[in-house]
Amino acid sequence: QVQLVESGGGLVQAGGSLRLSCAASGRTFSRMGWFRQAPGKARQFVARIRWSDGDTYYTNFVKGRFAIPRDIAKKTVYLQMNSLKPEDTAVYYCAADMTSTEEYDYWGQGTQVTISS
């Protein structure tokens, strides 16, 4: 089992930055993904990192703005968000993929990110 605890959400102006944290405990995971869900809309994939070597993948709408570094010693994954836009407003979730299949088995509690115009 894996437990994920998120932090770092908040309210910022458009063009600003936030860094979300996802601290993991328990079994080692293969990949950690970030997802987001806006009110009344479906959950969407944002980015992921492979724990073993730090390989990353980003969706097109965040490329060049977001990064997903990790701290191996702290077993923590971050979502560094720059040049934020109002359409980035959502609840952000981290999730652990245990089997390298992009099937996410464990989820964080979510953290609200709100971007004002």
Protein backbone atom coordinates (compact mmCIF):
# COMPACT_ATOMS: atom_id res chain seq x y z
CA GLN A 1 0.00 0.00 0.00
CA VAL A 2 0.97 3.63 -0.55
CA GLN A 3 -0.22 6.72 1.26
CA LEU A 4 0.01 10.09 -0.51
CA VAL A 5 -0.25 13.44 1.26
CA GLU A 6 -0.57 16.60 -0.84
CA SER A 7 0.14 20.22 0.03
CA GLY A 8 0.92 23.54 -1.63
CA GLY A 9 -2.36 24.64 -3.18
CA GLY A 10 -3.68 28.16 -2.90
CA LEU A 11 -4.81 31.32 -4.66
CA VAL A 12 -2.47 33.18 -7.02
CA GLN A 13 -2.77 35.75 -9.78
CA ALA A 14 -2.48 34.85 -13.44
CA GLY A 15 1.17 34.67 -14.42
CA GLY A 16 2.24 33.57 -10.96
CA SER A 17 3.69 30.30 -9.69
CA LEU A 18 2.86 27.53 -7.23
CA ARG A 19 4.63 24.37 -6.18
CA LEU A 20 2.56 21.38 -5.14
CA SER A 21 4.05 18.57 -3.07
CA CYS A 22 3.10 14.91 -2.87
CA ALA A 23 4.82 12.99 -0.07
CA ALA A 24 4.64 9.21 -0.34
CA SER A 25 4.98 6.50 2.28
CA GLY A 26 4.74 2.73 2.11
CA ARG A 27 5.70 0.62 -0.90
CA THR A 28 7.85 2.05 -3.68
CA PHE A 29 5.85 3.04 -6.74
CA SER A 30 6.77 2.88 -10.42
CA ARG A 31 5.29 6.19 -11.58
CA MET A 32 3.71 9.19 -9.93
CA GLY A 33 1.12 11.13 -11.89
CA TRP A 34 -0.55 14.49 -11.47
CA PHE A 35 -4.19 14.99 -12.45
CA ARG A 36 -6.64 17.86 -12.14
CA GLN A 37 -10.40 18.29 -12.09
CA ALA A 38 -12.29 21.54 -12.54
CA PRO A 39 -15.87 21.94 -11.26
CA GLY A 40 -18.35 20.15 -13.51
CA LYS A 41 -15.61 18.72 -15.72
CA ALA A 42 -13.92 15.35 -16.06
CA ARG A 43 -10.61 14.57 -14.42
CA GLN A 44 -7.68 15.07 -16.78
CA PHE A 45 -4.10 13.87 -16.81
CA VAL A 46 -1.42 16.55 -16.41
CA ALA A 47 2.02 14.93 -16.08
CA ARG A 48 3.90 11.96 -14.66
CA ILE A 49 7.39 10.96 -13.51
CA ARG A 50 9.03 7.54 -13.50
CA TRP A 51 10.61 7.09 -10.09
CA SER A 52 13.55 4.91 -11.10
CA ASP A 53 15.24 7.39 -13.44
CA GLY A 54 13.22 10.61 -13.30
CA ASP A 55 11.83 10.31 -16.83
CA THR A 56 8.95 12.77 -17.26
CA TYR A 57 6.00 13.25 -19.56
CA TYR A 58 3.76 16.31 -19.88
CA THR A 59 0.52 17.02 -21.68
CA ASN A 60 0.75 19.67 -24.39
CA PHE A 61 -1.20 22.30 -22.49
CA VAL A 62 1.40 22.44 -19.69
CA LYS A 63 4.65 21.89 -21.63
CA GLY A 64 7.06 24.75 -21.01
CA ARG A 65 5.11 25.93 -17.95
CA PHE A 66 5.07 22.99 -15.52
CA ALA A 67 7.83 20.72 -14.21
CA ILE A 68 7.72 17.60 -12.06
CA PRO A 69 10.94 17.23 -10.04
CA ARG A 70 11.44 14.66 -7.29
CA ASP A 71 13.34 14.42 -4.00
CA ILE A 72 14.53 10.85 -3.69
CA ALA A 73 15.54 11.08 -0.03
CA LYS A 74 12.17 12.53 0.99
CA LYS A 75 10.22 10.27 -1.39
CA THR A 76 8.39 13.36 -2.57
CA VAL A 77 7.22 14.47 -6.01
CA TYR A 78 6.52 18.10 -6.83
CA LEU A 79 4.50 19.88 -9.46
CA GLN A 80 6.16 23.22 -10.18
CA MET A 81 3.61 25.41 -11.95
CA ASN A 82 4.72 28.64 -13.65
CA SER A 83 2.94 31.15 -15.88
CA LEU A 84 -0.37 30.06 -14.43
CA LYS A 85 -3.60 30.80 -16.28
CA PRO A 86 -7.20 31.01 -15.04
CA GLU A 87 -7.97 27.80 -16.92
CA ASP A 88 -5.48 26.00 -14.65
CA THR A 89 -7.95 26.42 -11.78
CA ALA A 90 -8.85 22.96 -10.47
CA VAL A 91 -8.38 20.47 -7.69
CA TYR A 92 -5.03 18.78 -8.29
CA TYR A 93 -4.40 15.16 -7.32
CA CYS A 94 -1.27 13.06 -7.23
CA ALA A 95 -1.56 9.32 -7.83
CA ALA A 96 0.78 6.32 -7.68
CA ASP A 97 1.10 3.73 -10.43
CA MET A 98 2.52 0.56 -8.89
CA THR A 99 2.94 -1.55 -12.05
CA SER A 100 4.23 0.78 -14.82
CA THR A 101 0.97 0.41 -16.74
CA GLU A 102 -0.44 3.92 -16.21
CA GLU A 103 -3.07 2.35 -13.98
CA TYR A 104 -3.10 4.58 -10.90
CA ASP A 105 -3.88 2.66 -7.73
CA TYR A 106 -3.48 5.16 -4.90
CA TRP A 107 -4.56 8.79 -4.78
CA GLY A 108 -3.81 11.85 -2.70
CA GLN A 109 -6.57 13.84 -1.06
CA GLY A 110 -6.43 16.69 -3.57
CA THR A 111 -5.41 20.32 -3.19
CA GLN A 112 -7.25 23.35 -4.57
CA VAL A 113 -5.45 25.64 -7.02
CA THR A 114 -7.25 28.87 -7.92
CA ILE A 115 -5.88 31.36 -10.46
CA SER A 116 -7.40 34.83 -10.57
CA SER A 117 -7.43 37.11 -13.61
